[in-house]
């Protein structure tokens, strides 16, 4: 198998693992920011709970139902943003979004989040991967309308 094939297989395993065993899944009782997101095309629903303290994401959880890509993206996102300053999380949101939707932008090092880079090859799945991130963004901004991928 080629190096590209090995890498793709590894990426798929990480996505499957985060779908089967999502990290930070559930309601966050002491959240001070909450946002909901919905992808009407495929029916993904996600709620993101944040506890912001001192300009940082002190804790984050999510719940909802969605496809493997949506769930894995939310799980990976929650791990990536926990403990980071809000400004870094916003920068991460922009870099992740660029990686998923724009072939002409080389995203900064995104670590484990790069396992979702192959999603851009399947345009209908891009919305699945980005929904949790748009929902996180709305929670950070304190927006009350549901995030959508439309």
Protein backbone atom coordinates (compact mmCIF):
# COMPACT_ATOMS: atom_id res chain seq x y z
CA UNK A 1 0.00 0.00 0.00
CA UNK A 2 1.22 3.50 -0.74
CA UNK A 3 2.08 6.05 1.94
CA UNK A 4 -1.02 8.01 0.87
CA UNK A 5 -3.17 4.92 1.27
CA UNK A 6 -1.69 4.20 4.70
CA UNK A 7 -2.32 7.78 5.80
CA UNK A 8 -5.90 7.72 4.50
CA UNK A 9 -6.52 4.46 6.38
CA UNK A 10 -5.09 5.94 9.59
CA UNK A 11 -7.28 9.03 9.17
CA UNK A 12 -10.36 6.85 8.66
CA UNK A 13 -9.56 4.89 11.83
CA UNK A 14 -9.29 8.11 13.86
CA UNK A 15 -12.62 9.31 12.47
CA UNK A 16 -14.29 5.95 13.21
CA UNK A 17 -12.87 5.96 16.75
CA UNK A 18 -14.16 9.48 17.48
CA UNK A 19 -17.55 8.52 16.06
CA UNK A 20 -17.82 5.32 18.12
CA UNK A 21 -16.35 6.88 21.28
CA UNK A 22 -16.91 10.64 21.09
CA UNK A 23 -14.88 12.65 23.56
CA UNK A 24 -16.61 15.30 25.69
CA UNK A 25 -20.06 14.04 24.73
CA UNK A 26 -22.95 15.08 26.93
CA UNK A 27 -24.49 18.10 28.61
CA UNK A 28 -22.27 20.55 30.49
CA UNK A 29 -24.26 21.52 33.58
CA UNK A 30 -22.31 24.70 34.35
CA UNK A 31 -22.04 25.99 30.78
CA UNK A 32 -22.30 29.74 30.39
CA UNK A 33 -22.64 29.60 26.59
CA UNK A 34 -24.81 27.22 24.58
CA UNK A 35 -25.51 27.07 20.86
CA UNK A 36 -27.43 24.71 18.64
CA UNK A 37 -26.71 23.70 15.08
CA UNK A 38 -28.69 21.91 12.41
CA UNK A 39 -27.84 20.60 8.97
CA UNK A 40 -31.21 20.30 7.20
CA UNK A 41 -29.66 18.44 4.27
CA UNK A 42 -28.72 15.32 6.23
CA UNK A 43 -30.42 15.87 9.59
CA UNK A 44 -27.32 16.39 11.75
CA UNK A 45 -28.12 18.19 15.01
CA UNK A 46 -25.56 19.36 17.54
CA UNK A 47 -25.59 21.41 20.72
CA UNK A 48 -22.30 22.86 21.94
CA UNK A 49 -21.86 23.77 25.60
CA UNK A 50 -19.03 26.06 26.69
CA UNK A 51 -17.77 27.20 30.03
CA UNK A 52 -15.78 30.37 29.40
CA UNK A 53 -13.57 31.63 32.22
CA UNK A 54 -11.03 34.40 32.01
CA UNK A 55 -11.08 34.53 28.21
CA UNK A 56 -10.48 30.76 27.90
CA UNK A 57 -12.58 27.74 27.05
CA UNK A 58 -12.40 26.14 30.48
CA UNK A 59 -14.65 23.27 29.43
CA UNK A 60 -16.61 22.13 26.40
CA UNK A 61 -19.09 19.38 25.67
CA UNK A 62 -21.47 18.57 22.89
CA UNK A 63 -24.50 16.42 22.31
CA UNK A 64 -26.76 15.60 19.45
CA UNK A 65 -27.14 13.14 16.64
CA UNK A 66 -25.36 13.08 13.35
CA UNK A 67 -23.39 11.11 10.86
CA UNK A 68 -19.90 9.73 11.57
CA UNK A 69 -18.20 12.81 10.09
CA UNK A 70 -20.27 15.26 12.12
CA UNK A 71 -19.79 13.35 15.38
CA UNK A 72 -16.06 12.84 14.82
CA UNK A 73 -15.63 16.51 13.93
CA UNK A 74 -17.41 17.61 17.12
CA UNK A 75 -15.35 15.19 19.21
CA UNK A 76 -12.03 16.27 17.69
CA UNK A 77 -13.07 19.93 17.96
CA UNK A 78 -13.90 19.58 21.65
CA UNK A 79 -10.47 18.12 22.37
CA UNK A 80 -8.73 20.80 20.32
CA UNK A 81 -10.38 23.83 21.95
CA UNK A 82 -10.54 22.83 25.62
CA UNK A 83 -8.28 25.08 27.68
CA UNK A 84 -7.43 27.46 24.84
CA UNK A 85 -7.91 31.22 24.85
CA UNK A 86 -10.98 32.36 22.89
CA UNK A 87 -8.74 34.19 20.36
CA UNK A 88 -6.88 30.94 19.61
CA UNK A 89 -10.15 29.06 19.25
CA UNK A 90 -11.41 31.64 16.74
CA UNK A 91 -8.15 31.30 14.79
CA UNK A 92 -8.48 27.52 14.88
CA UNK A 93 -12.07 27.83 13.59
CA UNK A 94 -10.86 29.89 10.61
CA UNK A 95 -7.95 27.53 9.86
CA UNK A 96 -10.14 24.44 10.09
CA UNK A 97 -12.77 26.00 7.84
CA UNK A 98 -10.10 26.96 5.29
CA UNK A 99 -8.70 23.42 5.32
CA UNK A 100 -12.13 21.94 4.62
CA UNK A 101 -13.47 24.36 2.01
CA UNK A 102 -10.58 26.05 0.23
CA UNK A 103 -8.07 24.16 -1.92
CA UNK A 104 -5.98 27.29 -2.34
CA UNK A 105 -5.31 27.87 1.34
CA UNK A 106 -2.67 25.89 3.19
CA UNK A 107 -3.96 25.74 6.75
CA UNK A 108 -1.63 26.14 9.66
CA UNK A 109 -0.68 22.98 11.55
CA UNK A 110 -3.97 21.62 12.85
CA UNK A 111 -2.65 18.45 14.49
CA UNK A 112 -5.27 15.72 14.82
CA UNK A 113 -7.85 17.90 13.09
CA UNK A 114 -6.05 17.20 9.81
CA UNK A 115 -7.69 13.76 9.75
CA UNK A 116 -10.77 15.56 8.45
CA UNK A 117 -8.92 17.19 5.52
CA UNK A 118 -10.10 14.50 3.09
CA UNK A 119 -13.70 15.59 3.59
CA UNK A 120 -13.23 18.37 1.02
CA UNK A 121 -13.11 15.65 -1.65
CA UNK A 122 -16.79 15.00 -0.87
CA UNK A 123 -18.60 18.36 -1.07
CA UNK A 124 -21.82 17.03 0.43
CA UNK A 125 -19.87 15.96 3.55
CA UNK A 126 -18.19 19.36 4.09
CA UNK A 127 -21.33 20.61 5.82
CA UNK A 128 -21.24 17.62 8.16
CA UNK A 129 -17.67 18.40 9.22
CA UNK A 130 -18.19 22.14 9.61
CA UNK A 131 -21.53 22.15 11.48
CA UNK A 132 -20.01 21.60 14.95
CA UNK A 133 -17.49 24.36 14.26
CA UNK A 134 -20.14 26.88 13.18
CA UNK A 135 -22.10 25.95 16.29
CA UNK A 136 -18.99 26.47 18.46
CA UNK A 137 -18.47 29.85 16.76
CA UNK A 138 -22.05 30.90 17.59
CA UNK A 139 -21.55 29.81 21.21
CA UNK A 140 -18.36 31.87 21.47
CA UNK A 141 -20.18 34.90 20.10
CA UNK A 142 -23.24 34.33 22.29
CA UNK A 143 -25.53 34.06 19.27
CA UNK A 144 -28.92 32.56 20.00
CA UNK A 145 -30.02 31.58 16.50
CA UNK A 146 -29.21 28.05 15.41
CA UNK A 147 -26.07 27.55 13.38
CA UNK A 148 -26.74 26.13 9.97
CA UNK A 149 -24.64 24.95 7.07
CA UNK A 150 -26.92 26.55 4.47
